[in-house]
């Protein structure tokens, strides 16, 4: 009977060790699950930020195009203003009765 009791005691000890290992494994899996949940939340946050950055890039591209268009428009107006001022100066010197448009057309040809 002593051998059986010794074997049972050894078996109980091994079962307790297995339970301890199972509990440690369960705790480790919970920690991993928590870290996975945190990583998923971080990924969602980063996806939101990437989406926001993409939208900002589209807006900036649109604004860049608008600014470029306005700059070209302003350059065109400045060029026309310079031509008008030059034409007016020439006409003032010339004191002829021709219209600015006639002067400008003649100047361009």
PDB file of N, CA and C in Angstrom:
ATOM      1  N   UNK A   1       0.812  -1.187   0.000  1.00  0.00           N
ATOM      2  CA  UNK A   1       0.000   0.000   0.000  1.00  0.00           C
ATOM      3  C   UNK A   1       0.863   1.261   0.000  1.00  0.00           C
ATOM      4  N   UNK A   2       1.993   1.168   0.593  1.00  0.00           N
ATOM      5  CA  UNK A   2       2.884   2.312   0.673  1.00  0.00           C
ATOM      6  C   UNK A   2       3.372   2.713  -0.718  1.00  0.00           C
ATOM      7  N   UNK A   3       3.629   1.757  -1.566  1.00  0.00           N
ATOM      8  CA  UNK A   3       4.067   2.049  -2.927  1.00  0.00           C
ATOM      9  C   UNK A   3       2.948   2.730  -3.704  1.00  0.00           C
ATOM     10  N   UNK A   4       1.729   2.272  -3.475  1.00  0.00           N
ATOM     11  CA  UNK A   4       0.579   2.885  -4.156  1.00  0.00           C
ATOM     12  C   UNK A   4       0.387   4.304  -3.650  1.00  0.00           C
ATOM     13  N   UNK A   5       0.505   4.499  -2.339  1.00  0.00           N
ATOM     14  CA  UNK A   5       0.351   5.844  -1.774  1.00  0.00           C
ATOM     15  C   UNK A   5       1.457   6.759  -2.295  1.00  0.00           C
ATOM     16  N   UNK A   6       2.652   6.235  -2.407  1.00  0.00           N
ATOM     17  CA  UNK A   6       3.764   7.021  -2.953  1.00  0.00           C
ATOM     18  C   UNK A   6       3.517   7.392  -4.405  1.00  0.00           C
ATOM     19  N   UNK A   7       3.002   6.447  -5.172  1.00  0.00           N
ATOM     20  CA  UNK A   7       2.688   6.708  -6.581  1.00  0.00           C
ATOM     21  C   UNK A   7       1.569   7.732  -6.705  1.00  0.00           C
ATOM     22  N   UNK A   8       0.556   7.614  -5.824  1.00  0.00           N
ATOM     23  CA  UNK A   8      -0.549   8.588  -5.839  1.00  0.00           C
ATOM     24  C   UNK A   8      -0.050   9.978  -5.459  1.00  0.00           C
ATOM     25  N   UNK A   9       0.812  10.036  -4.463  1.00  0.00           N
ATOM     26  CA  UNK A   9       1.364  11.330  -4.047  1.00  0.00           C
ATOM     27  C   UNK A   9       2.171  11.942  -5.189  1.00  0.00           C
ATOM     28  N   UNK A  10       2.967  11.123  -5.862  1.00  0.00           N
ATOM     29  CA  UNK A  10       3.758  11.618  -6.999  1.00  0.00           C
ATOM     30  C   UNK A  10       2.838  12.073  -8.126  1.00  0.00           C
ATOM     31  N   UNK A  11       1.769  11.317  -8.365  1.00  0.00           N
ATOM     32  CA  UNK A  11       0.804  11.676  -9.398  1.00  0.00           C
ATOM     33  C   UNK A  11       0.093  12.979  -9.048  1.00  0.00           C
ATOM     34  N   UNK A  12      -0.299  13.141  -7.773  1.00  0.00           N
ATOM     35  CA  UNK A  12      -0.930  14.391  -7.328  1.00  0.00           C
ATOM     36  C   UNK A  12       0.022  15.564  -7.525  1.00  0.00           C
ATOM     37  N   UNK A  13       1.284  15.352  -7.221  1.00  0.00           N
ATOM     38  CA  UNK A  13       2.286  16.411  -7.381  1.00  0.00           C
ATOM     39  C   UNK A  13       2.404  16.797  -8.864  1.00  0.00           C
ATOM     40  N   UNK A  14       2.420  15.797  -9.748  1.00  0.00           N
ATOM     41  CA  UNK A  14       2.496  16.067 -11.184  1.00  0.00           C
ATOM     42  C   UNK A  14       1.237  16.766 -11.680  1.00  0.00           C
ATOM     43  N   UNK A  15       0.081  16.371 -11.168  1.00  0.00           N
ATOM     44  CA  UNK A  15      -1.183  17.020 -11.558  1.00  0.00           C
ATOM     45  C   UNK A  15      -1.180  18.475 -11.107  1.00  0.00           C
ATOM     46  N   UNK A  16      -0.715  18.743  -9.882  1.00  0.00           N
ATOM     47  CA  UNK A  16      -0.624  20.122  -9.390  1.00  0.00           C
ATOM     48  C   UNK A  16       0.337  20.935 -10.256  1.00  0.00           C
ATOM     49  N   UNK A  17       1.442  20.317 -10.657  1.00  0.00           N
ATOM     50  CA  UNK A  17       2.403  21.003 -11.524  1.00  0.00           C
ATOM     51  C   UNK A  17       1.766  21.319 -12.877  1.00  0.00           C
ATOM     52  N   UNK A  18       0.975  20.379 -13.399  1.00  0.00           N
ATOM     53  CA  UNK A  18       0.283  20.617 -14.668  1.00  0.00           C
ATOM     54  C   UNK A  18      -0.720  21.756 -14.508  1.00  0.00           C
ATOM     55  N   UNK A  19      -1.479  21.771 -13.402  1.00  0.00           N
ATOM     56  CA  UNK A  19      -2.427  22.866 -13.155  1.00  0.00           C
ATOM     57  C   UNK A  19      -1.701  24.204 -13.066  1.00  0.00           C
ATOM     58  N   UNK A  20      -0.560  24.209 -12.384  1.00  0.00           N
ATOM     59  CA  UNK A  20       0.222  25.450 -12.288  1.00  0.00           C
ATOM     60  C   UNK A  20       0.665  25.884 -13.685  1.00  0.00           C
ATOM     61  N   UNK A  21       1.166  24.920 -14.480  1.00  0.00           N
ATOM     62  CA  UNK A  21       1.586  25.239 -15.847  1.00  0.00           C
ATOM     63  C   UNK A  21       0.412  25.734 -16.690  1.00  0.00           C
ATOM     64  N   UNK A  22      -0.746  25.099 -16.526  1.00  0.00           N
ATOM     65  CA  UNK A  22      -1.942  25.520 -17.268  1.00  0.00           C
ATOM     66  C   UNK A  22      -2.337  26.930 -16.858  1.00  0.00           C
ATOM     67  N   UNK A  23      -2.302  27.242 -15.570  1.00  0.00           N
ATOM     68  CA  UNK A  23      -2.641  28.588 -15.097  1.00  0.00           C
ATOM     69  C   UNK A  23      -1.648  29.621 -15.627  1.00  0.00           C
ATOM     70  N   UNK A  24      -0.362  29.282 -15.616  1.00  0.00           N
ATOM     71  CA  UNK A  24       0.646  30.195 -16.166  1.00  0.00           C
ATOM     72  C   UNK A  24       0.425  30.411 -17.658  1.00  0.00           C
ATOM     73  N   UNK A  25       0.119  29.327 -18.360  1.00  0.00           N
ATOM     74  CA  UNK A  25      -0.145  29.425 -19.792  1.00  0.00           C
ATOM     75  C   UNK A  25      -1.382  30.278 -20.064  1.00  0.00           C
ATOM     76  N   UNK A  26      -2.434  30.090 -19.262  1.00  0.00           N
ATOM     77  CA  UNK A  26      -3.656  30.882 -19.408  1.00  0.00           C
ATOM     78  C   UNK A  26      -3.358  32.362 -19.181  1.00  0.00           C
ATOM     79  N   UNK A  27      -2.580  32.683 -18.145  1.00  0.00           N
ATOM     80  CA  UNK A  27      -2.216  34.078 -17.879  1.00  0.00           C
ATOM     81  C   UNK A  27      -1.391  34.664 -19.029  1.00  0.00           C
ATOM     82  N   UNK A  28      -0.473  33.850 -19.544  1.00  0.00           N
ATOM     83  CA  UNK A  28       0.339  34.312 -20.674  1.00  0.00           C
ATOM     84  C   UNK A  28      -0.535  34.572 -21.898  1.00  0.00           C
ATOM     85  N   UNK A  29      -1.498  33.692 -22.151  1.00  0.00           N
ATOM     86  CA  UNK A  29      -2.407  33.885 -23.284  1.00  0.00           C
ATOM     87  C   UNK A  29      -3.271  35.130 -23.102  1.00  0.00           C
ATOM     88  N   UNK A  30      -3.689  35.394 -21.876  1.00  0.00           N
ATOM     89  CA  UNK A  30      -4.459  36.621 -21.607  1.00  0.00           C
ATOM     90  C   UNK A  30      -3.602  37.852 -21.895  1.00  0.00           C
ATOM     91  N   UNK A  31      -2.339  37.806 -21.480  1.00  0.00           N
ATOM     92  CA  UNK A  31      -1.442  38.934 -21.755  1.00  0.00           C
ATOM     93  C   UNK A  31      -1.267  39.140 -23.256  1.00  0.00           C
ATOM     94  N   UNK A  32      -1.113  38.032 -23.976  1.00  0.00           N
ATOM     95  CA  UNK A  32      -0.981  38.120 -25.432  1.00  0.00           C
ATOM     96  C   UNK A  32      -2.259  38.688 -26.036  1.00  0.00           C
ATOM     97  N   UNK A  33      -3.408  38.224 -25.564  1.00  0.00           N
ATOM     98  CA  UNK A  33      -4.693  38.721 -26.080  1.00  0.00           C
ATOM     99  C   UNK A  33      -4.836  40.216 -25.809  1.00  0.00           C
ATOM    100  N   UNK A  34      -4.420  40.664 -24.623  1.00  0.00           N
ATOM    101  CA  UNK A  34      -4.468  42.094 -24.308  1.00  0.00           C
ATOM    102  C   UNK A  34      -3.566  42.887 -25.252  1.00  0.00           C
ATOM    103  N   UNK A  35      -2.380  42.347 -25.507  1.00  0.00           N
ATOM    104  CA  UNK A  35      -1.453  43.041 -26.404  1.00  0.00           C
ATOM    105  C   UNK A  35      -1.985  43.067 -27.832  1.00  0.00           C
ATOM    106  N   UNK A  36      -2.635  41.994 -28.257  1.00  0.00           N
ATOM    107  CA  UNK A  36      -3.239  41.962 -29.593  1.00  0.00           C
ATOM    108  C   UNK A  36      -4.352  42.999 -29.683  1.00  0.00           C
ATOM    109  N   UNK A  37      -5.169  43.090 -28.644  1.00  0.00           N
ATOM    110  CA  UNK A  37      -6.252  44.084 -28.620  1.00  0.00           C
ATOM    111  C   UNK A  37      -5.674  45.494 -28.700  1.00  0.00           C
ATOM    112  N   UNK A  38      -4.617  45.744 -27.941  1.00  0.00           N
ATOM    113  CA  UNK A  38      -3.960  47.055 -27.975  1.00  0.00           C
ATOM    114  C   UNK A  38      -3.386  47.329 -29.368  1.00  0.00           C
ATOM    115  N   UNK A  39      -2.764  46.317 -29.960  1.00  0.00           N
ATOM    116  CA  UNK A  39      -2.197  46.480 -31.303  1.00  0.00           C
ATOM    117  C   UNK A  39      -3.294  46.768 -32.327  1.00  0.00           C
ATOM    118  N   UNK A  40      -4.431  46.084 -32.215  1.00  0.00           N
ATOM    119  CA  UNK A  40      -5.548  46.329 -33.136  1.00  0.00           C
ATOM    120  C   UNK A  40      -6.060  47.757 -32.998  1.00  0.00           C
ATOM    121  N   UNK A  41      -6.169  48.230 -31.764  1.00  0.00           N
ATOM    122  CA  UNK A  41      -6.622  49.607 -31.543  1.00  0.00           C
ATOM    123  C   UNK A  41      -5.617  50.596 -32.130  1.00  0.00           C
ATOM    124  N   UNK A  42      -4.334  50.307 -31.953  1.00  0.00           N
ATOM    125  CA  UNK A  42      -3.297  51.176 -32.510  1.00  0.00           C
ATOM    126  C   UNK A  42      -3.363  51.190 -34.030  1.00  0.00           C
ATOM    127  N   UNK A  43      -3.580  50.026 -34.622  1.00  0.00           N
ATOM    128  CA  UNK A  43      -3.693  49.936 -36.086  1.00  0.00           C
ATOM    129  C   UNK A  43      -4.882  50.753 -36.579  1.00  0.00           C
ATOM    130  N   UNK A  44      -6.021  50.654 -35.890  1.00  0.00           N
ATOM    131  CA  UNK A  44      -7.202  51.432 -36.295  1.00  0.00           C
ATOM    132  C   UNK A  44      -6.926  52.925 -36.180  1.00  0.00           C
ATOM    133  N   UNK A  45      -6.248  53.323 -35.111  1.00  0.00           N
ATOM    134  CA  UNK A  45      -5.894  54.732 -34.932  1.00  0.00           C
ATOM    135  C   UNK A  45      -4.984  55.197 -36.064  1.00  0.00           C
ATOM    136  N   UNK A  46      -3.982  54.389 -36.381  1.00  0.00           N
ATOM    137  CA  UNK A  46      -3.059  54.745 -37.462  1.00  0.00           C
ATOM    138  C   UNK A  46      -3.764  54.783 -38.811  1.00  0.00           C
ATOM    139  N   UNK A  47      -4.702  53.869 -39.037  1.00  0.00           N
ATOM    140  CA  UNK A  47      -5.463  53.887 -40.288  1.00  0.00           C
ATOM    141  C   UNK A  47      -6.261  55.181 -40.401  1.00  0.00           C
ATOM    142  N   UNK A  48      -6.842  55.616 -39.275  1.00  0.00           N
ATOM    143  CA  UNK A  48      -7.574  56.881 -39.274  1.00  0.00           C
ATOM    144  C   UNK A  48      -6.660  58.051 -39.590  1.00  0.00           C
ATOM    145  N   UNK A  49      -5.461  58.027 -39.016  1.00  0.00           N
ATOM    146  CA  UNK A  49      -4.508  59.111 -39.272  1.00  0.00           C
ATOM    147  C   UNK A  49      -4.038  59.095 -40.722  1.00  0.00           C
ATOM    148  N   UNK A  50      -3.804  57.910 -41.270  1.00  0.00           N
ATOM    149  CA  UNK A  50      -3.398  57.802 -42.673  1.00  0.00           C
ATOM    150  C   UNK A  50      -4.507  58.333 -43.575  1.00  0.00           C
ATOM    151  N   UNK A  51      -5.741  57.975 -43.267  1.00  0.00           N
ATOM    152  CA  UNK A  51      -6.881  58.460 -44.049  1.00  0.00           C
ATOM    153  C   UNK A  51      -6.963  59.982 -43.983  1.00  0.00           C
ATOM    154  N   UNK A  52      -6.776  60.519 -42.785  1.00  0.00           N
ATOM    155  CA  UNK A  52      -6.802  61.971 -42.608  1.00  0.00           C
ATOM    156  C   UNK A  52      -5.676  62.632 -43.402  1.00  0.00           C
ATOM    157  N   UNK A  53      -4.490  62.036 -43.365  1.00  0.00           N
ATOM    158  CA  UNK A  53      -3.364  62.584 -44.122  1.00  0.00           C
ATOM    159  C   UNK A  53      -3.624  62.537 -45.624  1.00  0.00           C
ATOM    160  N   UNK A  54      -4.253  61.461 -46.096  1.00  0.00           N
ATOM    161  CA  UNK A  54      -4.593  61.369 -47.516  1.00  0.00           C
ATOM    162  C   UNK A  54      -5.560  62.483 -47.905  1.00  0.00           C
ATOM    163  N   UNK A  55      -6.561  62.721 -47.044  1.00  0.00           N
ATOM    164  CA  UNK A  55      -7.522  63.790 -47.316  1.00  0.00           C
ATOM    165  C   UNK A  55      -6.822  65.144 -47.331  1.00  0.00           C
ATOM    166  N   UNK A  56      -5.895  65.350 -46.400  1.00  0.00           N
ATOM    167  CA  UNK A  56      -5.150  66.609 -46.368  1.00  0.00           C
ATOM    168  C   UNK A  56      -4.300  66.768 -47.619  1.00  0.00           C
ATOM    169  N   UNK A  57      -3.707  65.668 -48.085  1.00  0.00           N
ATOM    170  CA  UNK A  57      -2.903  65.732 -49.306  1.00  0.00           C
ATOM    171  C   UNK A  57      -3.766  66.112 -50.504  1.00  0.00           C
ATOM    172  N   UNK A  58      -4.970  65.554 -50.570  1.00  0.00           N
ATOM    173  CA  UNK A  58      -5.878  65.890 -51.670  1.00  0.00           C
ATOM    174  C   UNK A  58      -6.251  67.367 -51.591  1.00  0.00           C
ATOM    175  N   UNK A  59      -6.568  67.837 -50.364  1.00  0.00           N
ATOM    176  CA  UNK A  59      -6.908  69.256 -50.201  1.00  0.00           C
ATOM    177  C   UNK A  59      -5.725  70.142 -50.568  1.00  0.00           C
ATOM    178  N   UNK A  60      -4.532  69.755 -50.140  1.00  0.00           N
ATOM    179  CA  UNK A  60      -3.345  70.553 -50.448  1.00  0.00           C
ATOM    180  C   UNK A  60      -3.079  70.566 -51.946  1.00  0.00           C
ATOM    181  N   UNK A  61      -3.288  69.441 -52.598  1.00  0.00           N
ATOM    182  CA  UNK A  61      -3.107  69.376 -54.045  1.00  0.00           C
ATOM    183  C   UNK A  61      -4.109  70.293 -54.739  1.00  0.00           C
ATOM    184  N   UNK A  62      -5.354  70.252 -54.260  1.00  0.00           N
ATOM    185  CA  UNK A  62      -6.389  71.119 -54.823  1.00  0.00           C
ATOM    186  C   UNK A  62      -6.035  72.582 -54.600  1.00  0.00           C
ATOM    187  N   UNK A  63      -5.608  72.902 -53.373  1.00  0.00           N
ATOM    188  CA  UNK A  63      -5.218  74.282 -53.073  1.00  0.00           C
ATOM    189  C   UNK A  63      -4.008  74.698 -53.894  1.00  0.00           C
ATOM    190  N   UNK A  64      -3.072  73.791 -54.067  1.00  0.00           N
ATOM    191  CA  UNK A  64      -1.887  74.087 -54.869  1.00  0.00           C
ATOM    192  C   UNK A  64      -2.289  74.423 -56.302  1.00  0.00           C
ATOM    193  N   UNK A  65      -3.199  73.620 -56.850  1.00  0.00           N
ATOM    194  CA  UNK A  65      -3.686  73.890 -58.200  1.00  0.00           C
ATOM    195  C   UNK A  65      -4.402  75.226 -58.279  1.00  0.00           C
ATOM    196  N   UNK A  66      -5.208  75.524 -57.263  1.00  0.00           N
ATOM    197  CA  UNK A  66      -5.927  76.803 -57.225  1.00  0.00           C
ATOM    198  C   UNK A  66      -4.941  77.964 -57.119  1.00  0.00           C
ATOM    199  N   UNK A  67      -3.944  77.819 -56.253  1.00  0.00           N
ATOM    200  CA  UNK A  67      -2.942  78.879 -56.111  1.00  0.00           C
ATOM    201  C   UNK A  67      -2.151  79.066 -57.402  1.00  0.00           C
ATOM    202  N   UNK A  68      -1.832  77.959 -58.057  1.00  0.00           N
ATOM    203  CA  UNK A  68      -1.113  78.045 -59.326  1.00  0.00           C
ATOM    204  C   UNK A  68      -1.958  78.768 -60.372  1.00  0.00           C
ATOM    205  N   UNK A  69      -3.247  78.435 -60.408  1.00  0.00           N
ATOM    206  CA  UNK A  69      -4.154  79.101 -61.353  1.00  0.00           C
ATOM    207  C   UNK A  69      -4.244  80.594 -61.057  1.00  0.00           C
ATOM    208  N   UNK A  70      -4.360  80.927 -59.769  1.00  0.00           N
ATOM    209  CA  UNK A  70      -4.442  82.343 -59.391  1.00  0.00           C
ATOM    210  C   UNK A  70      -3.148  83.085 -59.715  1.00  0.00           C
ATOM    211  N   UNK A  71      -2.013  82.419 -59.501  1.00  0.00           N
ATOM    212  CA  UNK A  71      -0.732  83.042 -59.810  1.00  0.00           C
ATOM    213  C   UNK A  71      -0.616  83.311 -61.303  1.00  0.00           C
ATOM    214  N   UNK A  72      -1.004  82.327 -62.116  1.00  0.00           N
ATOM    215  CA  UNK A  72      -0.978  82.524 -63.562  1.00  0.00           C
ATOM    216  C   UNK A  72      -1.908  83.661 -63.966  1.00  0.00           C
ATOM    217  N   UNK A  73      -3.079  83.721 -63.342  1.00  0.00           N
ATOM    218  CA  UNK A  73      -4.035  84.784 -63.622  1.00  0.00           C
ATOM    219  C   UNK A  73      -3.441  86.139 -63.240  1.00  0.00           C
ATOM    220  N   UNK A  74      -2.809  86.184 -62.052  1.00  0.00           N
ATOM    221  CA  UNK A  74      -2.202  87.441 -61.594  1.00  0.00           C
ATOM    222  C   UNK A  74      -1.055  87.846 -62.512  1.00  0.00           C
ATOM    223  N   UNK A  75      -0.259  86.861 -62.942  1.00  0.00           N
ATOM    224  CA  UNK A  75       0.836  87.164 -63.861  1.00  0.00           C
ATOM    225  C   UNK A  75       0.293  87.711 -65.175  1.00  0.00           C
ATOM    226  N   UNK A  76      -0.804  87.112 -65.642  1.00  0.00           N
ATOM    227  CA  UNK A  76      -1.426  87.598 -66.874  1.00  0.00           C
ATOM    228  C   UNK A  76      -1.930  89.021 -66.724  1.00  0.00           C
ATOM    229  N   UNK A  77      -2.557  89.308 -65.587  1.00  0.00           N
ATOM    230  CA  UNK A  77      -3.057  90.663 -65.345  1.00  0.00           C
ATOM    231  C   UNK A  77      -1.907  91.651 -65.239  1.00  0.00           C
ATOM    232  N   UNK A  78      -0.825  91.230 -64.582  1.00  0.00           N
ATOM    233  CA  UNK A  78       0.335  92.104 -64.447  1.00  0.00           C
ATOM    234  C   UNK A  78       0.935  92.387 -65.811  1.00  0.00           C
ATOM    235  N   UNK A  79       1.027  91.362 -66.626  1.00  0.00           N
ATOM    236  CA  UNK A  79       1.556  91.529 -67.973  1.00  0.00           C
ATOM    237  C   UNK A  79       0.681  92.502 -68.765  1.00  0.00           C
ATOM    238  N   UNK A  80      -0.637  92.313 -68.690  1.00  0.00           N
ATOM    239  CA  UNK A  80      -1.559  93.217 -69.386  1.00  0.00           C
ATOM    240  C   UNK A  80      -1.438  94.632 -68.846  1.00  0.00           C
ATOM    241  N   UNK A  81      -1.267  94.766 -67.533  1.00  0.00           N
ATOM    242  CA  UNK A  81      -1.114  96.089 -66.927  1.00  0.00           C
ATOM    243  C   UNK A  81       0.147  96.751 -67.440  1.00  0.00           C
ATOM    244  N   UNK A  82       1.225  95.989 -67.522  1.00  0.00           N
ATOM    245  CA  UNK A  82       2.479  96.546 -68.028  1.00  0.00           C
ATOM    246  C   UNK A  82       2.335  96.977 -69.477  1.00  0.00           C
ATOM    247  N   UNK A  83       1.661  96.155 -70.277  1.00  0.00           N
ATOM    248  CA  UNK A  83       1.441  96.516 -71.680  1.00  0.00           C
ATOM    249  C   UNK A  83       0.601  97.785 -71.757  1.00  0.00           C
ATOM    250  N   UNK A  84      -0.440  97.862 -70.918  1.00  0.00           N
ATOM    251  CA  UNK A  84      -1.301  99.038 -70.921  1.00  0.00           C
ATOM    252  C   UNK A  84      -0.516 100.282 -70.532  1.00  0.00           C
ATOM    253  N   UNK A  85       0.289 100.165 -69.471  1.00  0.00           N
ATOM    254  CA  UNK A  85       1.086 101.318 -69.012  1.00  0.00           C
ATOM    255  C   UNK A  85       2.069 101.728 -70.090  1.00  0.00           C
ATOM    256  N   UNK A  86       2.742 100.752 -70.696  1.00  0.00           N
ATOM    257  CA  UNK A  86       3.671 101.080 -71.776  1.00  0.00           C
ATOM    258  C   UNK A  86       2.931 101.729 -72.939  1.00  0.00           C
ATOM    259  N   UNK A  87       1.790 101.163 -73.272  1.00  0.00           N
ATOM    260  CA  UNK A  87       1.001 101.718 -74.360  1.00  0.00           C
ATOM    261  C   UNK A  87       0.528 103.123 -74.048  1.00  0.00           C
ATOM    262  N   UNK A  88       0.108 103.342 -72.811  1.00  0.00           N
ATOM    263  CA  UNK A  88      -0.349 104.669 -72.411  1.00  0.00           C
ATOM    264  C   UNK A  88       0.805 105.659 -72.477  1.00  0.00           C
ATOM    265  N   UNK A  89       1.985 105.235 -72.033  1.00  0.00           N
ATOM    266  CA  UNK A  89       3.160 106.113 -72.073  1.00  0.00           C
ATOM    267  C   UNK A  89       3.503 106.468 -73.507  1.00  0.00           C
ATOM    268  N   UNK A  90       3.493 105.457 -74.375  1.00  0.00           N
ATOM    269  CA  UNK A  90       3.792 105.699 -75.788  1.00  0.00           C
ATOM    270  C   UNK A  90       2.758 106.640 -76.394  1.00  0.00           C
ATOM    271  N   UNK A  91       1.492 106.418 -76.042  1.00  0.00           N
ATOM    272  CA  UNK A  91       0.426 107.270 -76.593  1.00  0.00           C
ATOM    273  C   UNK A  91       0.569 108.690 -76.089  1.00  0.00           C
ATOM    274  N   UNK A  92       0.965 108.827 -74.813  1.00  0.00           N
ATOM    275  CA  UNK A  92       1.124 110.167 -74.262  1.00  0.00           C
ATOM    276  C   UNK A  92       2.261 110.887 -74.989  1.00  0.00           C
ATOM    277  N   UNK A  93       3.326 110.173 -75.279  1.00  0.00           N
ATOM    278  CA  UNK A  93       4.442 110.770 -76.016  1.00  0.00           C
ATOM    279  C   UNK A  93       4.013 111.067 -77.448  1.00  0.00           C
ATOM    280  N   UNK A  94       3.304 110.130 -77.999  1.00  0.00           N
ATOM    281  CA  UNK A  94       2.903 110.177 -79.396  1.00  0.00           C
ATOM    282  C   UNK A  94       1.825 111.225 -79.638  1.00  0.00           C
ATOM    283  N   UNK A  95       0.956 111.366 -78.668  1.00  0.00           N
ATOM    284  CA  UNK A  95      -0.211 112.251 -78.698  1.00  0.00           C
ATOM    285  C   UNK A  95      -1.085 112.030 -79.930  1.00  0.00           C
ATOM    286  N   UNK A  96      -1.033 110.816 -80.473  1.00  0.00           N
ATOM    287  CA  UNK A  96      -1.910 110.516 -81.600  1.00  0.00           C
ATOM    288  C   UNK A  96      -3.287 110.139 -81.075  1.00  0.00           C
ATOM    289  N   UNK A  97      -4.278 110.079 -81.930  1.00  0.00           N
ATOM    290  CA  UNK A  97      -5.651 109.815 -81.535  1.00  0.00           C
ATOM    291  C   UNK A  97      -6.018 108.339 -81.630  1.00  0.00           C
ATOM    292  N   UNK A  98      -5.048 107.470 -81.979  1.00  0.00           N
ATOM    293  CA  UNK A  98      -5.413 106.059 -82.120  1.00  0.00           C
ATOM    294  C   UNK A  98      -5.760 105.441 -80.769  1.00  0.00           C
ATOM    295  N   UNK A  99      -6.595 104.452 -80.793  1.00  0.00           N
ATOM    296  CA  UNK A  99      -7.026 103.800 -79.552  1.00  0.00           C
ATOM    297  C   UNK A  99      -5.917 102.890 -79.037  1.00  0.00           C
ATOM    298  N   UNK A 100      -6.015 102.584 -77.783  1.00  0.00           N
ATOM    299  CA  UNK A 100      -5.019 101.695 -77.181  1.00  0.00           C
ATOM    300  C   UNK A 100      -5.014 100.341 -77.873  1.00  0.00           C
ATOM    301  N   UNK A 101      -6.181  99.836 -78.208  1.00  0.00           N
ATOM    302  CA  UNK A 101      -6.267  98.533 -78.856  1.00  0.00           C
ATOM    303  C   UNK A 101      -5.538  98.548 -80.196  1.00  0.00           C
ATOM    304  N   UNK A 102      -5.710  99.604 -80.953  1.00  0.00           N
ATOM    305  CA  UNK A 102      -5.009  99.707 -82.229  1.00  0.00           C
ATOM    306  C   UNK A 102      -3.506  99.752 -81.998  1.00  0.00           C
ATOM    307  N   UNK A 103      -3.098 100.522 -81.008  1.00  0.00           N
ATOM    308  CA  UNK A 103      -1.676 100.618 -80.684  1.00  0.00           C
ATOM    309  C   UNK A 103      -1.127  99.247 -80.293  1.00  0.00           C
ATOM    310  N   UNK A 104      -1.858  98.579 -79.435  1.00  0.00           N
ATOM    311  CA  UNK A 104      -1.399  97.288 -78.920  1.00  0.00           C
ATOM    312  C   UNK A 104      -1.325  96.258 -80.045  1.00  0.00           C
ATOM    313  N   UNK A 105      -2.333  96.237 -80.904  1.00  0.00           N
ATOM    314  CA  UNK A 105      -2.343  95.297 -82.022  1.00  0.00           C
ATOM    315  C   UNK A 105      -1.159  95.579 -82.948  1.00  0.00           C
ATOM    316  N   UNK A 106      -0.881  96.839 -83.180  1.00  0.00           N
ATOM    317  CA  UNK A 106       0.235  97.211 -84.039  1.00  0.00           C
ATOM    318  C   UNK A 106       1.554  96.797 -83.392  1.00  0.00           C
ATOM    319  N   UNK A 107       1.631  96.988 -82.077  1.00  0.00           N
ATOM    320  CA  UNK A 107       2.843  96.660 -81.321  1.00  0.00           C
ATOM    321  C   UNK A 107       3.092  95.151 -81.334  1.00  0.00           C
ATOM    322  N   UNK A 108       2.022  94.360 -81.249  1.00  0.00           N
ATOM    323  CA  UNK A 108       2.145  92.907 -81.228  1.00  0.00           C
ATOM    324  C   UNK A 108       2.554  92.357 -82.589  1.00  0.00           C
ATOM    325  N   UNK A 109       2.159  93.017 -83.659  1.00  0.00           N
ATOM    326  CA  UNK A 109       2.498  92.538 -85.002  1.00  0.00           C
ATOM    327  C   UNK A 109       3.906  92.921 -85.293  1.00  0.00           C
TER     328      UNK A 109
END
